[in-house]
Amino acid sequence: MPCTIGPVTVAADRPLTVVAGPCTLESLELGLRIGETVRDACRERGLQYIFKASFDKANRSSASSARGPGIDEGLDALATIRDRLGVPVTTDIHTPDQCGPAAEVVDCLQIPAFLCRQTDLLTAAGMAAAAHGRAVNVKKGQFLAPREMVGPVRKLAEAGCRNVMLTERGTFFGYHRLVNDFIGLGDLMELDCGEWADAPPPVCFDVTHSTQLPGSGEQTGGRPERAPLLARAAVAAGVPAVFIECHPEPTKALSDGATQLRLEGMGELVGRLARVREAIKN
């Protein structure tokens, strides 16, 4: 079942979709710089692009960590990025009251993995998305089996939204480690949601968050050098979309500095993914 996000259609028979941007919307200028760079790299290779940045990072390891500009300033910046770059945009939402204002601006409401079973949030997101013609992307909780994602799909459908994408971002394996289960990825791509979806929702693979080492101190650690490997494997497995956080100087990023990829390398990575996508079509 395709997912429509602005002018982009995420589906197996469409060009690969790249969802990318900084973790936190640190500034309008940085967002425009990153968005323009990745947009142009995708356009050059015939891929679809969606800009991603969060106006508020509520699920930080430390209460003293930077969270972002907040909803008012953040949504204004996202609207500007959307208009200036001519690309759809997406952002995280954490509470039901954020859904309506966000849906007025962004093309896709993103449900964080830790909140993927929160009924009030899913219901509010589904209603807001349906009212404004938006999509909802639900990240699979690190603690869930693929089959359990039927629950969020059902809650969104009951709220009026069937324009849904699901995102795989790794599964907890003991302490301080996420594992990408490609058997599970296949199961998620073939998820039977019964009456709640006419076909399995398209699956996005979260490349950079999958390299996290959670709970490893005041700041989450990571293995970003493995991100390109995971990205190529996921595209070869047939996912129609990938999620990649990137930054000009990841070590100076306000959040997820241990996992974000360097902006200067995005063109090469996108090019490789385009070639993998083309290869599996033949």
Protein backbone atom coordinates (compact mmCIF):
# COMPACT_ATOMS: atom_id res chain seq x y z
CA MET A 1 0.00 0.00 0.00
CA PRO A 2 1.72 3.24 -1.09
CA CYS A 3 2.27 6.11 1.34
CA THR A 4 1.86 9.61 -0.09
CA ILE A 5 4.02 12.29 1.53
CA GLY A 6 3.49 15.56 -0.30
CA PRO A 7 4.53 14.98 -3.93
CA VAL A 8 6.44 11.81 -2.96
CA THR A 9 4.91 8.35 -3.19
CA VAL A 10 6.74 5.74 -1.13
CA ALA A 11 6.19 2.35 -2.77
CA ALA A 12 8.09 -0.61 -4.16
CA ASP A 13 7.50 0.46 -7.76
CA ARG A 14 8.65 4.05 -7.21
CA PRO A 15 12.20 5.47 -7.02
CA LEU A 16 13.96 5.02 -3.69
CA THR A 17 12.97 7.66 -1.13
CA VAL A 18 15.65 9.22 1.06
CA VAL A 19 14.43 10.79 4.31
CA ALA A 20 17.35 12.83 5.61
CA GLY A 21 18.40 15.84 7.61
CA PRO A 22 19.89 16.77 10.97
CA CYS A 23 18.56 15.13 14.12
CA THR A 24 17.65 18.46 15.76
CA LEU A 25 16.64 21.56 13.83
CA GLU A 26 19.56 23.57 15.14
CA SER A 27 18.92 26.58 12.91
CA LEU A 28 17.10 27.53 9.74
CA GLU A 29 20.41 28.15 7.96
CA LEU A 30 21.76 24.70 8.83
CA GLY A 31 18.52 23.04 7.80
CA LEU A 32 18.56 24.78 4.43
CA ARG A 33 22.22 23.86 3.86
CA ILE A 34 21.70 20.18 4.65
CA GLY A 35 18.39 19.97 2.81
CA GLU A 36 19.72 21.58 -0.35
CA THR A 37 22.79 19.32 -0.41
CA VAL A 38 20.84 16.08 -0.01
CA ARG A 39 18.02 17.23 -2.30
CA ASP A 40 20.46 17.94 -5.11
CA ALA A 41 22.26 14.61 -4.59
CA CYS A 42 18.95 12.76 -4.81
CA ARG A 43 17.72 14.67 -7.84
CA GLU A 44 20.96 14.00 -9.69
CA ARG A 45 20.39 10.27 -9.22
CA GLY A 46 16.64 10.17 -9.79
CA LEU A 47 15.72 9.52 -6.17
CA GLN A 48 12.93 11.04 -4.08
CA TYR A 49 13.78 13.23 -1.08
CA ILE A 50 12.03 14.21 2.16
CA PHE A 51 13.68 16.64 4.62
CA LYS A 52 13.67 15.59 8.27
CA ALA A 53 14.49 17.54 11.43
CA SER A 54 12.99 17.66 14.92
CA PHE A 55 11.76 20.83 16.60
CA ASP A 56 11.89 19.09 19.97
CA LYS A 57 13.89 16.04 21.07
CA ALA A 58 11.99 14.96 24.16
CA ASN A 59 13.59 11.52 24.49
CA ARG A 60 17.13 12.56 25.36
CA SER A 61 19.50 10.54 27.55
CA SER A 62 20.01 13.50 29.88
CA ALA A 63 17.54 16.16 31.02
CA SER A 64 20.25 18.77 30.39
CA SER A 65 20.68 17.83 26.71
CA ALA A 66 19.66 20.30 24.00
CA ARG A 67 16.14 19.68 22.72
CA GLY A 68 15.67 22.08 19.82
CA PRO A 69 13.93 25.38 19.07
CA GLY A 70 10.44 24.35 20.22
CA ILE A 71 7.24 23.95 18.27
CA ASP A 72 6.53 27.53 17.19
CA GLU A 73 9.99 28.47 15.93
CA GLY A 74 10.58 24.95 14.68
CA LEU A 75 7.44 24.73 12.57
CA ASP A 76 8.11 28.17 11.11
CA ALA A 77 11.57 27.00 10.04
CA LEU A 78 10.23 23.73 8.62
CA ALA A 79 7.65 25.67 6.60
CA THR A 80 10.42 27.87 5.19
CA ILE A 81 12.57 24.85 4.30
CA ARG A 82 9.60 23.19 2.63
CA ASP A 83 8.85 26.27 0.53
CA ARG A 84 12.39 27.30 -0.37
CA LEU A 85 13.66 23.84 -1.26
CA GLY A 86 10.43 22.56 -2.79
CA VAL A 87 10.55 19.28 -0.84
CA PRO A 88 8.20 17.61 1.65
CA VAL A 89 9.20 17.75 5.31
CA THR A 90 8.69 15.56 8.35
CA THR A 91 9.26 15.96 12.08
CA ASP A 92 8.80 14.09 15.36
CA ILE A 93 5.77 14.64 17.55
CA HIS A 94 5.72 13.58 21.20
CA THR A 95 2.39 14.70 22.64
CA PRO A 96 -1.18 14.75 21.29
CA ASP A 97 -1.39 18.55 21.44
CA GLN A 98 1.51 18.85 18.97
CA CYS A 99 -0.27 16.87 16.24
CA GLY A 100 -2.70 19.50 14.99
CA PRO A 101 -0.22 22.39 14.67
CA ALA A 102 2.42 20.11 13.12
CA ALA A 103 -0.04 18.69 10.57
CA GLU A 104 -0.76 22.21 9.36
CA VAL A 105 2.88 22.54 8.29
CA VAL A 106 4.64 19.21 7.73
CA ASP A 107 3.77 16.52 5.20
CA CYS A 108 4.37 13.59 7.53
CA LEU A 109 4.00 13.22 11.31
CA GLN A 110 6.66 10.93 12.76
CA ILE A 111 5.95 8.82 15.84
CA PRO A 112 9.16 8.06 17.81
CA ALA A 113 9.93 4.41 18.46
CA PHE A 114 9.49 4.61 22.23
CA LEU A 115 6.01 6.10 21.70
CA CYS A 116 4.73 3.75 19.01
CA ARG A 117 2.12 2.17 21.30
CA GLN A 118 0.81 5.39 22.86
CA THR A 119 -2.87 5.31 21.98
CA ASP A 120 -3.62 8.99 22.65
CA LEU A 121 -0.68 10.10 20.50
CA LEU A 122 -1.53 7.75 17.63
CA THR A 123 -5.18 8.74 17.71
CA ALA A 124 -4.38 12.45 17.67
CA ALA A 125 -1.81 11.96 14.90
CA GLY A 126 -4.25 9.91 12.83
CA MET A 127 -7.02 12.47 13.17
CA ALA A 128 -4.71 15.39 12.36
CA ALA A 129 -3.20 13.59 9.37
CA ALA A 130 -6.63 12.69 8.01
CA ALA A 131 -7.90 16.25 8.45
CA HIS A 132 -4.93 17.81 6.62
CA GLY A 133 -4.18 15.10 4.05
CA ARG A 134 -0.88 14.15 5.69
CA ALA A 135 0.93 10.87 6.33
CA VAL A 136 2.07 9.24 9.57
CA ASN A 137 5.39 7.41 9.89
CA VAL A 138 5.56 5.09 12.89
CA LYS A 139 8.96 3.91 14.04
CA LYS A 140 8.88 0.34 15.30
CA GLY A 141 9.75 0.15 18.97
CA GLN A 142 13.10 -1.44 19.74
CA PHE A 143 11.16 -3.78 22.03
CA LEU A 144 8.57 -4.99 19.50
CA ALA A 145 8.35 -7.89 17.09
CA PRO A 146 7.31 -6.93 13.54
CA ARG A 147 3.87 -8.49 13.98
CA GLU A 148 3.10 -6.14 16.86
CA MET A 149 3.15 -3.15 14.51
CA VAL A 150 -0.36 -4.13 13.44
CA GLY A 151 -1.48 -2.37 16.63
CA PRO A 152 -0.30 1.13 15.64
CA VAL A 153 -1.66 0.66 12.11
CA ARG A 154 -5.04 -0.28 13.55
CA LYS A 155 -5.12 2.70 15.92
CA LEU A 156 -4.30 5.09 13.06
CA ALA A 157 -6.94 3.52 10.82
CA GLU A 158 -9.53 3.83 13.55
CA ALA A 159 -8.64 7.52 13.79
CA GLY A 160 -9.17 7.92 10.04
CA CYS A 161 -5.61 7.64 8.70
CA ARG A 162 -4.54 4.87 6.33
CA ASN A 163 -1.70 6.85 4.75
CA VAL A 164 1.00 5.17 6.81
CA MET A 165 4.68 4.23 6.64
CA LEU A 166 6.50 2.01 9.14
CA THR A 167 10.17 2.41 10.03
CA GLU A 168 12.60 -0.27 11.21
CA ARG A 169 15.34 1.06 13.50
CA GLY A 170 16.89 -1.97 15.16
CA THR A 171 15.92 -4.19 18.08
CA PHE A 172 17.37 -4.29 21.59
CA PHE A 173 19.83 -7.13 22.07
CA GLY A 174 20.96 -7.21 25.68
CA TYR A 175 22.53 -4.03 26.95
CA HIS A 176 23.94 -1.16 24.85
CA ARG A 177 23.32 -2.79 21.49
CA LEU A 178 20.78 -2.72 18.68
CA VAL A 179 20.59 -5.52 16.14
CA ASN A 180 19.05 -5.36 12.68
CA ASP A 181 17.10 -8.53 12.06
CA PHE A 182 16.68 -8.87 8.30
CA ILE A 183 14.30 -11.79 8.68
CA GLY A 184 12.20 -9.44 10.78
CA LEU A 185 12.62 -6.71 8.18
CA GLY A 186 11.16 -9.06 5.59
CA ASP A 187 8.29 -9.87 7.94
CA LEU A 188 7.62 -6.16 8.44
CA MET A 189 7.57 -5.55 4.67
CA GLU A 190 4.98 -8.32 4.33
CA LEU A 191 2.96 -7.34 7.40
CA ASP A 192 -0.67 -8.46 7.14
CA CYS A 193 -2.73 -5.77 8.85
CA GLY A 194 -6.05 -7.40 8.04
CA GLU A 195 -8.95 -5.00 7.62
CA TRP A 196 -6.82 -2.06 8.78
CA ALA A 197 -4.78 -1.85 5.56
CA ASP A 198 -5.44 -3.08 2.05
CA ALA A 199 -1.78 -4.11 1.72
CA PRO A 200 1.36 -3.95 3.90
CA PRO A 201 2.40 -0.34 4.55
CA PRO A 202 5.72 0.62 2.95
CA VAL A 203 8.76 0.20 5.19
CA CYS A 204 11.53 2.72 5.75
CA PHE A 205 14.88 1.57 7.13
CA ASP A 206 16.43 3.92 9.68
CA VAL A 207 20.11 3.63 8.82
CA THR A 208 21.75 5.86 11.41
CA HIS A 209 19.65 5.12 14.50
CA SER A 210 20.25 1.43 13.84
CA THR A 211 23.92 1.99 14.64
CA GLN A 212 23.19 3.37 18.12
CA LEU A 213 24.66 1.94 21.31
CA PRO A 214 21.83 2.92 23.70
CA GLY A 215 22.30 3.59 27.37
CA SER A 216 26.05 4.06 27.08
CA GLY A 217 26.26 7.18 29.25
CA GLU A 218 25.00 10.76 29.28
CA GLN A 219 25.04 10.63 25.48
CA THR A 220 24.11 7.66 23.31
CA GLY A 221 27.07 6.09 21.51
CA GLY A 222 27.12 4.64 18.02
CA ARG A 223 28.90 2.93 15.14
CA PRO A 224 28.29 5.30 12.21
CA GLU A 225 31.00 3.63 10.13
CA ARG A 226 28.58 0.71 9.70
CA ALA A 227 25.73 2.89 8.43
CA PRO A 228 26.62 2.60 4.70
CA LEU A 229 26.77 -1.18 5.02
CA LEU A 230 23.31 -1.29 6.62
CA ALA A 231 21.92 1.12 4.04
CA ARG A 232 23.12 -0.98 1.12
CA ALA A 233 21.82 -4.18 2.71
CA ALA A 234 18.40 -2.67 3.38
CA VAL A 235 18.02 -1.32 -0.15
CA ALA A 236 19.14 -4.68 -1.54
CA ALA A 237 16.44 -6.28 0.64
CA GLY A 238 13.84 -4.15 -1.14
CA VAL A 239 12.88 -1.34 1.25
CA PRO A 240 11.42 1.61 -0.67
CA ALA A 241 12.81 4.24 1.72
CA VAL A 242 15.81 4.91 3.94
CA PHE A 243 16.18 7.34 6.85
CA ILE A 244 19.58 8.97 7.35
CA GLU A 245 20.60 11.72 9.75
CA CYS A 246 23.51 13.86 8.57
CA HIS A 247 25.39 16.97 9.65
CA PRO A 248 28.37 19.01 8.41
CA GLU A 249 30.17 18.34 11.71
CA PRO A 250 28.51 15.42 13.52
CA THR A 251 30.69 15.73 16.63
CA LYS A 252 29.30 19.25 17.12
CA ALA A 253 25.66 18.31 16.52
CA LEU A 254 23.23 19.07 19.33
CA SER A 255 21.96 15.49 19.33
CA ASP A 256 22.91 12.08 17.91
CA GLY A 257 26.42 13.28 17.16
CA ALA A 258 27.69 9.72 17.61
CA THR A 259 25.56 8.34 14.78
CA GLN A 260 24.97 11.10 12.24
CA LEU A 261 26.85 10.86 8.95
CA ARG A 262 29.00 13.64 7.54
CA LEU A 263 27.09 15.76 5.05
CA GLU A 264 30.01 15.76 2.61
CA GLY A 265 29.69 11.99 2.19
CA MET A 266 25.98 11.92 1.43
CA GLY A 267 26.39 12.30 -2.33
CA GLU A 268 28.57 9.20 -2.55
CA LEU A 269 26.26 7.17 -0.31
CA VAL A 270 23.13 8.21 -2.19
CA GLY A 271 24.85 7.29 -5.44
CA ARG A 272 25.68 3.81 -4.15
CA LEU A 273 22.14 3.28 -2.94
CA ALA A 274 20.78 4.35 -6.32
CA ARG A 275 22.97 1.74 -8.03
CA VAL A 276 21.83 -0.98 -5.61
CA ARG A 277 18.19 -0.03 -6.19
CA GLU A 278 18.68 -0.18 -9.93
CA ALA A 279 20.44 -3.56 -9.69
CA ILE A 280 17.59 -5.26 -7.82
CA LYS A 281 15.10 -4.05 -10.44
CA ASN A 282 16.91 -5.97 -13.17
